[in-house]
Amino acid sequence: MGFLSVLSMAHKLVKERTASGDTVIDATCGNGVDTQFLCELVGSRGTIYAFDIQAEALERTLQRLFGDSKAEADVAMADHVADREADREADREAKRDMDHEANREADHKANREADHEANRDADRIAKLQLVHASHAEMDKHVAADAHGKVAAVMFNLGYLPGADQSIITTTDGTIAALEAAISLLRKGGILTVVLYPGHPGGAEEADAVTRFASELPQHVAQAVLYRMTQKAEAPYLLAIEKR
C-alpha cells in the first residue's frame, strides 16, 4: 500500500486545519500546485497570498489556475479589483443606454448572468494576491489585519522545476521566512515545509530548517518530521503547529 508522499502529507495536514474563508499563504508558489490546492481549500470567501522571486513562477501559477484567461490577471494585484469593477460598471452603463425601455428588465437579467459567467475567474483572482518578492518579506505584504490570523503557510524549497537551477531558496532567507510565517499564524495554524537535501545547497538548508524547528520553545509551537529514513537524500516534510 505504501505511505503518502511528502506533498500529499503536507496537503493532508493543511486540509485538517483549514476551512472555507480562511487566509492562507503559499510561500514558494513555483508551478502553482500548492496555490491551486489552497484556492480550492479556502474557496471564494478565502484569501490566498502566493510568493515567488521569479516572475516565471507567477506566470506558471496563473496559467495553472486560469489557463488562457490569465490575460485578465495582473500580477501587481493592488489595483486589480478596483479596475475590474470600474470596467464592469462602464460596460453595464453602456449596455443600459443601448437597451430599449420595454426590454430593460429582461436585458438586465441576461446581462447579470453573462457578467457573472465571464468574470468568474476574475472574482477568484480578486481573492488571490500574487507577490513578486521573497518569502522572507511576507509579513510586509500580508494585510495587517490578517497578522496572527493566518490558517496555513506552505513552503516547497529548492528550485523551480524546468527553470534555472542555480536560483534556489537560501538558508538565511528561508529561516527569516519561517520566523515571519510563525508570527502570522493563528493559534492552531500550521506551517509545512518540503525540504530537498539532494540538490547542491539543499542539505545545508534542510539541516538548518530542521535545527530551527527543533529549537522552537514548546509553548510557541510543536514540530514533527515525516521522512523516509532509508533514503538520506529523499525529500522530507517538516510541519509546525503554532500553540
C-alpha atoms as a PDB file:
ATOM      1  CA  MET A   1       0.000   0.000   0.000  1.00  0.00           C
ATOM      2  CA  GLY A   2       2.837   2.369   0.784  1.00  0.00           C
ATOM      3  CA  PHE A   3       2.823   5.746   2.504  1.00  0.00           C
ATOM      4  CA  LEU A   4       1.630   9.155   1.415  1.00  0.00           C
ATOM      5  CA  SER A   5       4.164  11.251  -0.486  1.00  0.00           C
ATOM      6  CA  VAL A   6       5.573  14.231   1.377  1.00  0.00           C
ATOM      7  CA  LEU A   7       3.440  16.574  -0.755  1.00  0.00           C
ATOM      8  CA  SER A   8       0.278  14.580  -0.081  1.00  0.00           C
ATOM      9  CA  MET A   9       1.021  14.505   3.633  1.00  0.00           C
ATOM     10  CA  ALA A  10       1.559  18.274   3.638  1.00  0.00           C
ATOM     11  CA  HIS A  11      -1.817  18.721   1.934  1.00  0.00           C
ATOM     12  CA  LYS A  12      -3.466  16.376   4.431  1.00  0.00           C
ATOM     13  CA  LEU A  13      -2.140  18.277   7.441  1.00  0.00           C
ATOM     14  CA  VAL A  14      -3.156  21.642   5.996  1.00  0.00           C
ATOM     15  CA  LYS A  15      -6.619  20.433   4.996  1.00  0.00           C
ATOM     16  CA  GLU A  16      -7.288  19.211   8.533  1.00  0.00           C
ATOM     17  CA  ARG A  17      -6.616  22.689   9.944  1.00  0.00           C
ATOM     18  CA  THR A  18      -8.053  24.984   7.271  1.00  0.00           C
ATOM     19  CA  ALA A  19     -11.613  25.904   6.335  1.00  0.00           C
ATOM     20  CA  SER A  20     -13.525  27.919   3.749  1.00  0.00           C
ATOM     21  CA  GLY A  21     -12.964  31.645   4.193  1.00  0.00           C
ATOM     22  CA  ASP A  22      -9.537  31.346   5.826  1.00  0.00           C
ATOM     23  CA  THR A  23      -6.414  33.311   4.917  1.00  0.00           C
ATOM     24  CA  VAL A  24      -3.531  31.127   3.720  1.00  0.00           C
ATOM     25  CA  ILE A  25      -0.071  31.582   2.193  1.00  0.00           C
ATOM     26  CA  ASP A  26       1.949  29.738  -0.439  1.00  0.00           C
ATOM     27  CA  ALA A  27       5.444  30.932   0.431  1.00  0.00           C
ATOM     28  CA  THR A  28       7.023  29.482  -2.741  1.00  0.00           C
ATOM     29  CA  CYS A  29       4.370  29.264  -5.449  1.00  0.00           C
ATOM     30  CA  GLY A  30       6.616  27.647  -8.114  1.00  0.00           C
ATOM     31  CA  ASN A  31       4.365  25.795 -10.560  1.00  0.00           C
ATOM     32  CA  GLY A  32       1.256  26.698  -8.587  1.00  0.00           C
ATOM     33  CA  VAL A  33       0.399  23.245  -7.225  1.00  0.00           C
ATOM     34  CA  ASP A  34       0.087  24.359  -3.601  1.00  0.00           C
ATOM     35  CA  THR A  35      -1.537  27.648  -4.609  1.00  0.00           C
ATOM     36  CA  GLN A  36      -4.228  25.762  -6.510  1.00  0.00           C
ATOM     37  CA  PHE A  37      -4.756  23.423  -3.561  1.00  0.00           C
ATOM     38  CA  LEU A  38      -5.116  26.372  -1.186  1.00  0.00           C
ATOM     39  CA  CYS A  39      -7.518  28.192  -3.516  1.00  0.00           C
ATOM     40  CA  GLU A  40      -9.777  25.147  -3.622  1.00  0.00           C
ATOM     41  CA  LEU A  41      -9.499  24.735   0.138  1.00  0.00           C
ATOM     42  CA  VAL A  42     -10.489  28.243   1.256  1.00  0.00           C
ATOM     43  CA  GLY A  43     -12.953  28.900  -1.575  1.00  0.00           C
ATOM     44  CA  SER A  44     -14.220  32.210  -2.900  1.00  0.00           C
ATOM     45  CA  ARG A  45     -14.504  33.709   0.591  1.00  0.00           C
ATOM     46  CA  GLY A  46     -10.886  32.979   1.451  1.00  0.00           C
ATOM     47  CA  THR A  47      -7.702  34.945   0.783  1.00  0.00           C
ATOM     48  CA  ILE A  48      -4.525  33.460  -0.676  1.00  0.00           C
ATOM     49  CA  TYR A  49      -1.094  35.075  -0.800  1.00  0.00           C
ATOM     50  CA  ALA A  50       1.410  33.416  -3.157  1.00  0.00           C
ATOM     51  CA  PHE A  51       5.067  34.492  -3.167  1.00  0.00           C
ATOM     52  CA  ASP A  52       7.956  33.872  -5.531  1.00  0.00           C
ATOM     53  CA  ILE A  53      11.096  35.758  -6.534  1.00  0.00           C
ATOM     54  CA  GLN A  54      10.761  34.558 -10.137  1.00  0.00           C
ATOM     55  CA  ALA A  55       8.195  36.140 -12.444  1.00  0.00           C
ATOM     56  CA  GLU A  56       8.143  32.874 -14.396  1.00  0.00           C
ATOM     57  CA  ALA A  57       6.761  31.091 -11.339  1.00  0.00           C
ATOM     58  CA  LEU A  58       3.956  33.631 -11.006  1.00  0.00           C
ATOM     59  CA  GLU A  59       3.104  33.184 -14.683  1.00  0.00           C
ATOM     60  CA  ARG A  60       3.054  29.400 -14.318  1.00  0.00           C
ATOM     61  CA  THR A  61       0.767  29.727 -11.318  1.00  0.00           C
ATOM     62  CA  LEU A  62      -1.652  31.937 -13.238  1.00  0.00           C
ATOM     63  CA  GLN A  63      -1.615  29.509 -16.139  1.00  0.00           C
ATOM     64  CA  ARG A  64      -2.396  26.579 -13.846  1.00  0.00           C
ATOM     65  CA  LEU A  65      -5.244  28.406 -12.149  1.00  0.00           C
ATOM     66  CA  PHE A  66      -6.845  30.251 -15.031  1.00  0.00           C
ATOM     67  CA  GLY A  67      -5.476  28.853 -18.293  1.00  0.00           C
ATOM     68  CA  ASP A  68      -5.858  31.180 -21.263  1.00  0.00           C
ATOM     69  CA  SER A  69      -7.967  33.575 -19.213  1.00  0.00           C
ATOM     70  CA  LYS A  70      -4.856  34.538 -17.249  1.00  0.00           C
ATOM     71  CA  ALA A  71      -4.538  37.517 -19.566  1.00  0.00           C
ATOM     72  CA  GLU A  72      -7.259  39.059 -17.415  1.00  0.00           C
ATOM     73  CA  ALA A  73      -4.986  38.868 -14.394  1.00  0.00           C
ATOM     74  CA  ASP A  74      -2.495  41.436 -13.203  1.00  0.00           C
ATOM     75  CA  VAL A  75       0.473  40.167 -11.211  1.00  0.00           C
ATOM     76  CA  ALA A  76       0.530  43.536  -9.451  1.00  0.00           C
ATOM     77  CA  MET A  77      -2.818  42.873  -7.797  1.00  0.00           C
ATOM     78  CA  ALA A  78      -3.171  46.055  -5.744  1.00  0.00           C
ATOM     79  CA  ASP A  79      -5.445  47.865  -8.207  1.00  0.00           C
ATOM     80  CA  HIS A  80      -6.909  44.822  -9.909  1.00  0.00           C
ATOM     81  CA  VAL A  81     -10.206  44.620  -8.066  1.00  0.00           C
ATOM     82  CA  ALA A  82     -10.984  48.322  -8.434  1.00  0.00           C
ATOM     83  CA  ASP A  83     -10.057  48.336 -12.112  1.00  0.00           C
ATOM     84  CA  ARG A  84     -12.180  45.287 -12.838  1.00  0.00           C
ATOM     85  CA  GLU A  85     -15.172  46.777 -11.060  1.00  0.00           C
ATOM     86  CA  ALA A  86     -14.781  50.074 -12.941  1.00  0.00           C
ATOM     87  CA  ASP A  87     -14.627  48.238 -16.253  1.00  0.00           C
ATOM     88  CA  ARG A  88     -17.700  46.192 -15.438  1.00  0.00           C
ATOM     89  CA  GLU A  89     -19.632  49.288 -14.371  1.00  0.00           C
ATOM     90  CA  ALA A  90     -18.710  51.069 -17.610  1.00  0.00           C
ATOM     91  CA  ASP A  91     -19.884  48.060 -19.596  1.00  0.00           C
ATOM     92  CA  ARG A  92     -23.157  47.966 -17.704  1.00  0.00           C
ATOM     93  CA  GLU A  93     -23.762  51.694 -18.266  1.00  0.00           C
ATOM     94  CA  ALA A  94     -23.112  51.363 -21.986  1.00  0.00           C
ATOM     95  CA  LYS A  95     -25.429  48.399 -22.201  1.00  0.00           C
ATOM     96  CA  ARG A  96     -28.198  50.163 -20.321  1.00  0.00           C
ATOM     97  CA  ASP A  97     -28.020  53.095 -22.739  1.00  0.00           C
ATOM     98  CA  MET A  98     -28.445  50.718 -25.659  1.00  0.00           C
ATOM     99  CA  ASP A  99     -31.372  48.801 -24.174  1.00  0.00           C
ATOM    100  CA  HIS A 100     -34.923  49.612 -25.124  1.00  0.00           C
ATOM    101  CA  GLU A 101     -37.033  50.684 -22.132  1.00  0.00           C
ATOM    102  CA  ALA A 102     -39.597  47.939 -22.654  1.00  0.00           C
ATOM    103  CA  ASN A 103     -36.959  45.201 -22.505  1.00  0.00           C
ATOM    104  CA  ARG A 104     -34.698  46.720 -19.870  1.00  0.00           C
ATOM    105  CA  GLU A 105     -35.565  44.359 -17.027  1.00  0.00           C
ATOM    106  CA  ALA A 106     -35.176  41.243 -19.160  1.00  0.00           C
ATOM    107  CA  ASP A 107     -31.930  42.502 -20.640  1.00  0.00           C
ATOM    108  CA  HIS A 108     -30.522  43.328 -17.220  1.00  0.00           C
ATOM    109  CA  LYS A 109     -31.216  39.810 -16.036  1.00  0.00           C
ATOM    110  CA  ALA A 110     -29.426  38.347 -19.046  1.00  0.00           C
ATOM    111  CA  ASN A 111     -26.516  40.747 -18.604  1.00  0.00           C
ATOM    112  CA  ARG A 112     -26.085  39.852 -14.955  1.00  0.00           C
ATOM    113  CA  GLU A 113     -25.913  36.170 -15.808  1.00  0.00           C
ATOM    114  CA  ALA A 114     -23.418  36.780 -18.615  1.00  0.00           C
ATOM    115  CA  ASP A 115     -21.329  39.083 -16.433  1.00  0.00           C
ATOM    116  CA  HIS A 116     -21.218  36.502 -13.660  1.00  0.00           C
ATOM    117  CA  GLU A 117     -20.050  33.802 -16.057  1.00  0.00           C
ATOM    118  CA  ALA A 118     -17.466  35.947 -17.847  1.00  0.00           C
ATOM    119  CA  ASN A 119     -15.929  37.259 -14.647  1.00  0.00           C
ATOM    120  CA  ARG A 120     -15.856  34.043 -12.635  1.00  0.00           C
ATOM    121  CA  ASP A 121     -12.077  33.802 -12.952  1.00  0.00           C
ATOM    122  CA  ALA A 122     -11.656  37.489 -12.166  1.00  0.00           C
ATOM    123  CA  ASP A 123     -13.632  37.055  -8.958  1.00  0.00           C
ATOM    124  CA  ARG A 124     -11.279  34.221  -7.993  1.00  0.00           C
ATOM    125  CA  ILE A 125      -8.251  36.364  -8.817  1.00  0.00           C
ATOM    126  CA  ALA A 126      -9.608  39.091  -6.543  1.00  0.00           C
ATOM    127  CA  LYS A 127      -9.029  36.709  -3.629  1.00  0.00           C
ATOM    128  CA  LEU A 128      -5.511  35.802  -4.781  1.00  0.00           C
ATOM    129  CA  GLN A 129      -2.554  38.080  -4.161  1.00  0.00           C
ATOM    130  CA  LEU A 130       0.443  37.090  -6.304  1.00  0.00           C
ATOM    131  CA  VAL A 131       3.523  38.738  -4.854  1.00  0.00           C
ATOM    132  CA  HIS A 132       6.795  39.048  -6.792  1.00  0.00           C
ATOM    133  CA  ALA A 133       9.003  39.114  -3.710  1.00  0.00           C
ATOM    134  CA  SER A 134      10.976  36.900  -1.363  1.00  0.00           C
ATOM    135  CA  HIS A 135       9.032  34.833   1.141  1.00  0.00           C
ATOM    136  CA  ALA A 136      11.294  36.391   3.766  1.00  0.00           C
ATOM    137  CA  GLU A 137       9.282  39.602   3.256  1.00  0.00           C
ATOM    138  CA  MET A 138       5.834  38.028   3.569  1.00  0.00           C
ATOM    139  CA  ASP A 139       4.924  39.919   6.729  1.00  0.00           C
ATOM    140  CA  LYS A 140       5.318  43.193   4.791  1.00  0.00           C
ATOM    141  CA  HIS A 141       2.812  42.113   2.138  1.00  0.00           C
ATOM    142  CA  VAL A 142       0.143  40.348   4.184  1.00  0.00           C
ATOM    143  CA  ALA A 143      -2.616  42.709   5.312  1.00  0.00           C
ATOM    144  CA  ALA A 144      -2.070  43.982   8.847  1.00  0.00           C
ATOM    145  CA  ASP A 145      -5.481  42.772   9.990  1.00  0.00           C
ATOM    146  CA  ALA A 146      -4.522  39.219   8.953  1.00  0.00           C
ATOM    147  CA  HIS A 147      -1.411  39.088  11.145  1.00  0.00           C
ATOM    148  CA  GLY A 148      -1.896  36.387  13.744  1.00  0.00           C
ATOM    149  CA  LYS A 149      -4.925  35.027  11.856  1.00  0.00           C
ATOM    150  CA  VAL A 150      -3.374  33.015   9.008  1.00  0.00           C
ATOM    151  CA  ALA A 151      -4.516  29.377   8.964  1.00  0.00           C
ATOM    152  CA  ALA A 152      -1.661  27.828   6.984  1.00  0.00           C
ATOM    153  CA  VAL A 153       1.653  28.622   5.308  1.00  0.00           C
ATOM    154  CA  MET A 154       3.159  26.169   2.809  1.00  0.00           C
ATOM    155  CA  PHE A 155       6.813  26.068   1.706  1.00  0.00           C
ATOM    156  CA  ASN A 156       8.282  23.938  -1.068  1.00  0.00           C
ATOM    157  CA  LEU A 157      12.004  24.668  -1.056  1.00  0.00           C
ATOM    158  CA  GLY A 158      14.737  24.222  -3.656  1.00  0.00           C
ATOM    159  CA  TYR A 159      14.494  25.423  -7.254  1.00  0.00           C
ATOM    160  CA  LEU A 160      11.752  25.964  -9.822  1.00  0.00           C
ATOM    161  CA  PRO A 161      11.460  22.752 -11.919  1.00  0.00           C
ATOM    162  CA  GLY A 162      12.345  23.321 -15.546  1.00  0.00           C
ATOM    163  CA  ALA A 163      13.928  26.700 -14.832  1.00  0.00           C
ATOM    164  CA  ASP A 164      17.384  27.950 -13.821  1.00  0.00           C
ATOM    165  CA  GLN A 165      18.502  25.509 -11.116  1.00  0.00           C
ATOM    166  CA  SER A 166      21.067  27.979  -9.812  1.00  0.00           C
ATOM    167  CA  ILE A 167      18.186  30.063  -8.437  1.00  0.00           C
ATOM    168  CA  ILE A 168      17.339  28.295  -5.189  1.00  0.00           C
ATOM    169  CA  THR A 169      15.936  29.094  -1.802  1.00  0.00           C
ATOM    170  CA  THR A 170      18.664  30.004   0.674  1.00  0.00           C
ATOM    171  CA  THR A 171      19.168  29.161   4.310  1.00  0.00           C
ATOM    172  CA  ASP A 172      19.124  32.745   5.580  1.00  0.00           C
ATOM    173  CA  GLY A 173      16.077  33.696   3.525  1.00  0.00           C
ATOM    174  CA  THR A 174      14.186  30.568   4.498  1.00  0.00           C
ATOM    175  CA  ILE A 175      14.852  30.951   8.231  1.00  0.00           C
ATOM    176  CA  ALA A 176      13.697  34.579   8.059  1.00  0.00           C
ATOM    177  CA  ALA A 177      10.583  33.440   6.195  1.00  0.00           C
ATOM    178  CA  LEU A 178       9.834  30.757   8.784  1.00  0.00           C
ATOM    179  CA  GLU A 179      10.074  33.312  11.574  1.00  0.00           C
ATOM    180  CA  ALA A 180       7.718  35.622   9.698  1.00  0.00           C
ATOM    181  CA  ALA A 181       5.319  32.766   8.967  1.00  0.00           C
ATOM    182  CA  ILE A 182       5.076  31.715  12.608  1.00  0.00           C
ATOM    183  CA  SER A 183       4.288  35.292  13.620  1.00  0.00           C
ATOM    184  CA  LEU A 184       1.498  35.421  11.019  1.00  0.00           C
ATOM    185  CA  LEU A 185      -0.121  32.112  12.021  1.00  0.00           C
ATOM    186  CA  ARG A 186      -3.096  31.935  14.355  1.00  0.00           C
ATOM    187  CA  LYS A 187      -3.089  29.556  17.308  1.00  0.00           C
ATOM    188  CA  GLY A 188      -3.558  26.074  15.875  1.00  0.00           C
ATOM    189  CA  GLY A 189      -2.360  27.275  12.472  1.00  0.00           C
ATOM    190  CA  ILE A 190       0.073  25.113  10.539  1.00  0.00           C
ATOM    191  CA  LEU A 191       3.285  25.658   8.622  1.00  0.00           C
ATOM    192  CA  THR A 192       4.554  22.940   6.263  1.00  0.00           C
ATOM    193  CA  VAL A 193       7.993  22.797   4.658  1.00  0.00           C
ATOM    194  CA  VAL A 194       9.004  20.282   1.993  1.00  0.00           C
ATOM    195  CA  LEU A 195      12.805  20.042   2.056  1.00  0.00           C
ATOM    196  CA  TYR A 196      15.102  18.743  -0.688  1.00  0.00           C
ATOM    197  CA  PRO A 197      18.527  17.692   0.648  1.00  0.00           C
ATOM    198  CA  GLY A 198      19.580  16.107  -2.669  1.00  0.00           C
ATOM    199  CA  HIS A 199      20.496  19.227  -4.682  1.00  0.00           C
ATOM    200  CA  PRO A 200      23.575  21.446  -4.146  1.00  0.00           C
ATOM    201  CA  GLY A 201      22.956  23.569  -1.066  1.00  0.00           C
ATOM    202  CA  GLY A 202      19.824  21.619  -0.211  1.00  0.00           C
ATOM    203  CA  ALA A 203      21.307  19.524   2.586  1.00  0.00           C
ATOM    204  CA  GLU A 204      22.650  22.580   4.395  1.00  0.00           C
ATOM    205  CA  GLU A 205      19.300  24.334   4.111  1.00  0.00           C
ATOM    206  CA  ALA A 206      17.396  21.243   5.255  1.00  0.00           C
ATOM    207  CA  ASP A 207      19.673  20.815   8.276  1.00  0.00           C
ATOM    208  CA  ALA A 208      19.270  24.473   9.235  1.00  0.00           C
ATOM    209  CA  VAL A 209      15.483  24.338   8.941  1.00  0.00           C
ATOM    210  CA  THR A 210      15.290  21.125  10.963  1.00  0.00           C
ATOM    211  CA  ARG A 211      17.534  22.633  13.635  1.00  0.00           C
ATOM    212  CA  PHE A 212      15.405  25.795  13.692  1.00  0.00           C
ATOM    213  CA  ALA A 213      12.269  23.727  14.294  1.00  0.00           C
ATOM    214  CA  SER A 214      13.887  21.595  16.993  1.00  0.00           C
ATOM    215  CA  GLU A 215      14.898  24.728  18.913  1.00  0.00           C
ATOM    216  CA  LEU A 216      11.429  26.298  18.942  1.00  0.00           C
ATOM    217  CA  PRO A 217      10.111  26.601  22.506  1.00  0.00           C
ATOM    218  CA  GLN A 218       7.342  24.071  23.068  1.00  0.00           C
ATOM    219  CA  HIS A 219       4.976  26.755  24.336  1.00  0.00           C
ATOM    220  CA  VAL A 220       5.341  28.529  20.962  1.00  0.00           C
ATOM    221  CA  ALA A 221       4.902  25.590  18.600  1.00  0.00           C
ATOM    222  CA  GLN A 222       5.245  21.852  18.145  1.00  0.00           C
ATOM    223  CA  ALA A 223       7.119  20.340  15.196  1.00  0.00           C
ATOM    224  CA  VAL A 224       7.108  16.935  13.509  1.00  0.00           C
ATOM    225  CA  LEU A 225       9.148  15.292  10.735  1.00  0.00           C
ATOM    226  CA  TYR A 226       7.840  12.976   8.016  1.00  0.00           C
ATOM    227  CA  ARG A 227      10.584  11.282   6.033  1.00  0.00           C
ATOM    228  CA  MET A 228      11.967   8.052   4.595  1.00  0.00           C
ATOM    229  CA  THR A 229      14.763   7.103   6.966  1.00  0.00           C
ATOM    230  CA  GLN A 230      16.304   4.670   4.449  1.00  0.00           C
ATOM    231  CA  LYS A 231      16.901   7.383   1.814  1.00  0.00           C
ATOM    232  CA  ALA A 232      19.028  10.201   3.164  1.00  0.00           C
ATOM    233  CA  GLU A 233      18.629  12.429   0.094  1.00  0.00           C
ATOM    234  CA  ALA A 234      14.891  11.917  -0.390  1.00  0.00           C
ATOM    235  CA  PRO A 235      12.642  14.966   0.108  1.00  0.00           C
ATOM    236  CA  TYR A 236      11.041  15.154   3.526  1.00  0.00           C
ATOM    237  CA  LEU A 237       8.373  17.153   5.305  1.00  0.00           C
ATOM    238  CA  LEU A 238       8.621  19.336   8.369  1.00  0.00           C
ATOM    239  CA  ALA A 239       5.359  20.549   9.903  1.00  0.00           C
ATOM    240  CA  ILE A 240       4.990  23.161  12.638  1.00  0.00           C
ATOM    241  CA  GLU A 241       1.754  23.840  14.519  1.00  0.00           C
ATOM    242  CA  LYS A 242       1.518  27.106  16.432  1.00  0.00           C
ATOM    243  CA  ARG A 243       0.353  26.991  20.031  1.00  0.00           C
END
